[in-house]
Amino acid sequence: MIDDKLLGGDFDDFLRKEGIIDEAEAMAAKRVIAFQISQEMKRSNITKTELAHRMNTSRPVVDRLLDPSNQSVTLSTLGRAASAVGKSLKIELS
């Protein structure tokens, strides 16, 4: 059954009501960054093994980085990955 109080609202309102908007936004941002890194890897013909080498880390770390459902990746790791594909990571408050 649909809650009539939610009809006409937007998805952000729903997430706020459920108390999960911060988690959802963080997950969405991580997915976007992982996708962008993956796209840059394809564009530049960089393998996961090469990315790991450029980041001075292991292949499993790269696998976790590129896994859109993995939330345990740190900003430091995202920044190193961005640098390894020739980009920079920008984070801002809004």
N, C-alpha and C. Protein backbone atom coordinates (compact mmCIF):
# COMPACT_ATOMS: atom_id res chain seq x y z
N MET A 1 0.84 -1.18 0.00
CA MET A 1 0.00 0.00 0.00
C MET A 1 0.89 1.24 0.00
N ILE A 2 0.54 2.24 -0.76
CA ILE A 2 1.30 3.48 -0.88
C ILE A 2 0.84 4.46 0.18
N ASP A 3 1.78 5.06 0.86
CA ASP A 3 1.49 6.08 1.87
C ASP A 3 1.07 7.36 1.15
N ASP A 4 -0.17 7.80 1.33
CA ASP A 4 -0.67 9.00 0.65
C ASP A 4 0.13 10.24 0.99
N LYS A 5 0.79 10.26 2.16
CA LYS A 5 1.59 11.43 2.54
C LYS A 5 2.83 11.58 1.66
N LEU A 6 3.23 10.50 0.99
CA LEU A 6 4.40 10.56 0.13
C LEU A 6 4.05 10.92 -1.31
N LEU A 7 2.81 10.80 -1.68
CA LEU A 7 2.41 11.12 -3.04
C LEU A 7 2.65 12.61 -3.30
N GLY A 8 3.23 12.91 -4.42
CA GLY A 8 3.49 14.30 -4.78
C GLY A 8 4.81 14.81 -4.24
N GLY A 9 5.43 14.08 -3.33
CA GLY A 9 6.75 14.47 -2.82
C GLY A 9 7.82 13.99 -3.76
N ASP A 10 9.04 14.36 -3.46
CA ASP A 10 10.12 13.86 -4.30
C ASP A 10 10.92 12.81 -3.55
N PHE A 11 11.83 12.19 -4.26
CA PHE A 11 12.60 11.08 -3.69
C PHE A 11 13.48 11.55 -2.54
N ASP A 12 14.03 12.75 -2.64
CA ASP A 12 14.84 13.29 -1.54
C ASP A 12 14.01 13.41 -0.26
N ASP A 13 12.74 13.83 -0.39
CA ASP A 13 11.87 13.91 0.77
C ASP A 13 11.70 12.53 1.42
N PHE A 14 11.52 11.52 0.58
CA PHE A 14 11.39 10.16 1.07
C PHE A 14 12.65 9.73 1.82
N LEU A 15 13.83 9.98 1.21
CA LEU A 15 15.09 9.59 1.85
C LEU A 15 15.29 10.31 3.18
N ARG A 16 14.92 11.59 3.22
CA ARG A 16 15.02 12.35 4.48
C ARG A 16 14.12 11.74 5.54
N LYS A 17 12.89 11.44 5.15
CA LYS A 17 11.93 10.86 6.10
C LYS A 17 12.43 9.54 6.64
N GLU A 18 13.09 8.76 5.80
CA GLU A 18 13.63 7.46 6.21
C GLU A 18 14.96 7.61 6.97
N GLY A 19 15.53 8.82 6.96
CA GLY A 19 16.79 9.06 7.66
C GLY A 19 18.01 8.49 6.97
N ILE A 20 17.91 8.33 5.64
CA ILE A 20 19.03 7.72 4.91
C ILE A 20 19.56 8.58 3.77
N ILE A 21 19.22 9.85 3.76
CA ILE A 21 19.64 10.69 2.64
C ILE A 21 21.16 10.84 2.56
N ASP A 22 21.82 11.02 3.71
CA ASP A 22 23.28 11.19 3.68
C ASP A 22 23.96 9.95 3.12
N GLU A 23 23.50 8.78 3.55
CA GLU A 23 24.07 7.53 3.07
C GLU A 23 23.82 7.37 1.56
N ALA A 24 22.63 7.69 1.13
CA ALA A 24 22.28 7.56 -0.29
C ALA A 24 23.10 8.51 -1.16
N GLU A 25 23.29 9.74 -0.69
CA GLU A 25 24.09 10.71 -1.45
C GLU A 25 25.55 10.30 -1.49
N ALA A 26 26.08 9.79 -0.39
CA ALA A 26 27.47 9.33 -0.38
C ALA A 26 27.66 8.15 -1.34
N MET A 27 26.72 7.23 -1.33
CA MET A 27 26.79 6.08 -2.23
C MET A 27 26.71 6.52 -3.68
N ALA A 28 25.83 7.46 -3.97
CA ALA A 28 25.69 7.95 -5.35
C ALA A 28 26.98 8.64 -5.79
N ALA A 29 27.57 9.44 -4.93
CA ALA A 29 28.81 10.14 -5.28
C ALA A 29 29.93 9.13 -5.54
N LYS A 30 30.03 8.11 -4.70
CA LYS A 30 31.07 7.08 -4.88
C LYS A 30 30.86 6.35 -6.20
N ARG A 31 29.62 6.03 -6.53
CA ARG A 31 29.33 5.34 -7.79
C ARG A 31 29.74 6.19 -8.99
N VAL A 32 29.46 7.48 -8.92
CA VAL A 32 29.82 8.38 -10.02
C VAL A 32 31.33 8.45 -10.18
N ILE A 33 32.04 8.59 -9.07
CA ILE A 33 33.50 8.68 -9.14
C ILE A 33 34.09 7.37 -9.66
N ALA A 34 33.59 6.24 -9.18
CA ALA A 34 34.08 4.94 -9.66
C ALA A 34 33.83 4.81 -11.16
N PHE A 35 32.66 5.24 -11.61
CA PHE A 35 32.34 5.18 -13.04
C PHE A 35 33.29 6.07 -13.84
N GLN A 36 33.54 7.27 -13.36
CA GLN A 36 34.42 8.20 -14.07
C GLN A 36 35.85 7.65 -14.15
N ILE A 37 36.32 7.05 -13.07
CA ILE A 37 37.67 6.46 -13.08
C ILE A 37 37.70 5.32 -14.08
N SER A 38 36.67 4.49 -14.07
CA SER A 38 36.58 3.38 -15.02
C SER A 38 36.59 3.88 -16.47
N GLN A 39 35.85 4.94 -16.74
CA GLN A 39 35.81 5.52 -18.09
C GLN A 39 37.18 6.05 -18.50
N GLU A 40 37.87 6.71 -17.58
CA GLU A 40 39.21 7.22 -17.88
C GLU A 40 40.19 6.07 -18.12
N MET A 41 40.02 4.99 -17.38
CA MET A 41 40.87 3.80 -17.60
C MET A 41 40.66 3.27 -19.01
N LYS A 42 39.40 3.15 -19.42
CA LYS A 42 39.10 2.66 -20.77
C LYS A 42 39.66 3.59 -21.83
N ARG A 43 39.45 4.89 -21.63
CA ARG A 43 39.90 5.88 -22.60
C ARG A 43 41.41 5.83 -22.77
N SER A 44 42.12 5.60 -21.67
CA SER A 44 43.58 5.60 -21.69
C SER A 44 44.19 4.21 -21.76
N ASN A 45 43.36 3.19 -21.96
CA ASN A 45 43.82 1.80 -22.02
C ASN A 45 44.66 1.41 -20.80
N ILE A 46 44.15 1.74 -19.62
CA ILE A 46 44.81 1.40 -18.36
C ILE A 46 44.10 0.20 -17.76
N THR A 47 44.84 -0.86 -17.52
CA THR A 47 44.25 -2.04 -16.88
C THR A 47 44.16 -1.84 -15.37
N LYS A 48 43.42 -2.72 -14.71
CA LYS A 48 43.33 -2.66 -13.25
C LYS A 48 44.72 -2.87 -12.63
N THR A 49 45.49 -3.78 -13.21
CA THR A 49 46.83 -4.04 -12.70
C THR A 49 47.70 -2.80 -12.85
N GLU A 50 47.61 -2.12 -13.98
CA GLU A 50 48.38 -0.90 -14.20
C GLU A 50 47.93 0.21 -13.25
N LEU A 51 46.62 0.33 -13.04
CA LEU A 51 46.13 1.34 -12.11
C LEU A 51 46.66 1.07 -10.71
N ALA A 52 46.64 -0.19 -10.29
CA ALA A 52 47.17 -0.55 -8.97
C ALA A 52 48.64 -0.17 -8.86
N HIS A 53 49.39 -0.43 -9.92
CA HIS A 53 50.81 -0.06 -9.93
C HIS A 53 50.98 1.46 -9.81
N ARG A 54 50.22 2.20 -10.58
CA ARG A 54 50.31 3.67 -10.54
C ARG A 54 49.90 4.23 -9.18
N MET A 55 48.98 3.55 -8.51
CA MET A 55 48.52 3.99 -7.20
C MET A 55 49.40 3.47 -6.07
N ASN A 56 50.36 2.59 -6.42
CA ASN A 56 51.22 1.95 -5.43
C ASN A 56 50.38 1.17 -4.41
N THR A 57 49.48 0.35 -4.96
CA THR A 57 48.59 -0.44 -4.11
C THR A 57 48.38 -1.80 -4.76
N SER A 58 47.45 -2.56 -4.25
CA SER A 58 47.19 -3.90 -4.77
C SER A 58 45.97 -3.92 -5.70
N ARG A 59 45.88 -4.96 -6.47
CA ARG A 59 44.75 -5.15 -7.38
C ARG A 59 43.42 -5.26 -6.62
N PRO A 60 43.37 -5.96 -5.46
CA PRO A 60 42.10 -6.00 -4.71
C PRO A 60 41.62 -4.62 -4.28
N VAL A 61 42.54 -3.71 -3.98
CA VAL A 61 42.13 -2.34 -3.63
C VAL A 61 41.46 -1.68 -4.84
N VAL A 62 42.01 -1.89 -6.01
CA VAL A 62 41.42 -1.33 -7.24
C VAL A 62 40.04 -1.96 -7.48
N ASP A 63 39.93 -3.26 -7.26
CA ASP A 63 38.63 -3.92 -7.42
C ASP A 63 37.58 -3.31 -6.49
N ARG A 64 37.96 -3.06 -5.23
CA ARG A 64 37.02 -2.43 -4.29
C ARG A 64 36.69 -1.01 -4.73
N LEU A 65 37.69 -0.29 -5.22
CA LEU A 65 37.49 1.08 -5.69
C LEU A 65 36.47 1.13 -6.82
N LEU A 66 36.55 0.20 -7.75
CA LEU A 66 35.68 0.21 -8.92
C LEU A 66 34.34 -0.48 -8.68
N ASP A 67 34.17 -1.12 -7.53
CA ASP A 67 32.91 -1.77 -7.19
C ASP A 67 31.93 -0.71 -6.70
N PRO A 68 30.88 -0.42 -7.47
CA PRO A 68 29.96 0.66 -7.11
C PRO A 68 29.23 0.43 -5.78
N SER A 69 29.14 -0.82 -5.33
CA SER A 69 28.43 -1.09 -4.09
C SER A 69 29.34 -1.04 -2.85
N ASN A 70 30.64 -0.92 -3.06
CA ASN A 70 31.58 -0.90 -1.93
C ASN A 70 31.72 0.52 -1.40
N GLN A 71 31.32 0.71 -0.15
CA GLN A 71 31.36 2.04 0.46
C GLN A 71 32.62 2.27 1.29
N SER A 72 33.50 1.30 1.37
CA SER A 72 34.63 1.40 2.29
C SER A 72 35.84 2.14 1.70
N VAL A 73 35.72 2.65 0.50
CA VAL A 73 36.84 3.33 -0.14
C VAL A 73 37.03 4.72 0.49
N THR A 74 38.27 5.06 0.79
CA THR A 74 38.55 6.35 1.43
C THR A 74 38.73 7.46 0.39
N LEU A 75 38.62 8.68 0.85
CA LEU A 75 38.88 9.83 -0.03
C LEU A 75 40.32 9.80 -0.53
N SER A 76 41.22 9.38 0.31
CA SER A 76 42.63 9.28 -0.09
C SER A 76 42.79 8.32 -1.28
N THR A 77 42.14 7.18 -1.21
CA THR A 77 42.20 6.20 -2.30
C THR A 77 41.58 6.76 -3.57
N LEU A 78 40.43 7.42 -3.43
CA LEU A 78 39.79 8.03 -4.60
C LEU A 78 40.70 9.09 -5.22
N GLY A 79 41.34 9.88 -4.39
CA GLY A 79 42.27 10.90 -4.89
C GLY A 79 43.46 10.30 -5.61
N ARG A 80 44.02 9.24 -5.05
CA ARG A 80 45.16 8.57 -5.70
C ARG A 80 44.74 7.96 -7.04
N ALA A 81 43.54 7.40 -7.08
CA ALA A 81 43.04 6.81 -8.33
C ALA A 81 42.84 7.90 -9.38
N ALA A 82 42.25 9.01 -8.98
CA ALA A 82 42.04 10.12 -9.91
C ALA A 82 43.38 10.58 -10.47
N SER A 83 44.35 10.74 -9.61
CA SER A 83 45.69 11.17 -10.05
C SER A 83 46.31 10.14 -10.99
N ALA A 84 46.09 8.86 -10.70
CA ALA A 84 46.67 7.79 -11.53
C ALA A 84 46.11 7.78 -12.94
N VAL A 85 44.92 8.35 -13.14
CA VAL A 85 44.35 8.42 -14.50
C VAL A 85 44.46 9.84 -15.06
N GLY A 86 45.27 10.68 -14.39
CA GLY A 86 45.54 12.02 -14.91
C GLY A 86 44.48 13.05 -14.57
N LYS A 87 43.70 12.80 -13.55
CA LYS A 87 42.64 13.72 -13.15
C LYS A 87 42.85 14.14 -11.70
N SER A 88 42.03 15.07 -11.23
CA SER A 88 42.07 15.44 -9.82
C SER A 88 40.67 15.25 -9.24
N LEU A 89 40.63 14.98 -7.95
CA LEU A 89 39.37 14.78 -7.25
C LEU A 89 39.01 16.08 -6.56
N LYS A 90 37.81 16.58 -6.81
CA LYS A 90 37.33 17.80 -6.15
C LYS A 90 36.11 17.45 -5.33
N ILE A 91 36.15 17.88 -4.06
CA ILE A 91 35.03 17.66 -3.15
C ILE A 91 34.67 19.01 -2.55
N GLU A 92 33.38 19.29 -2.49
CA GLU A 92 32.96 20.58 -1.97
C GLU A 92 31.69 20.43 -1.16
N LEU A 93 31.48 21.35 -0.25
CA LEU A 93 30.22 21.43 0.48
C LEU A 93 29.25 22.27 -0.32
N SER A 94 28.00 21.89 -0.27
CA SER A 94 27.00 22.71 -0.98
C SER A 94 25.77 22.87 -0.13
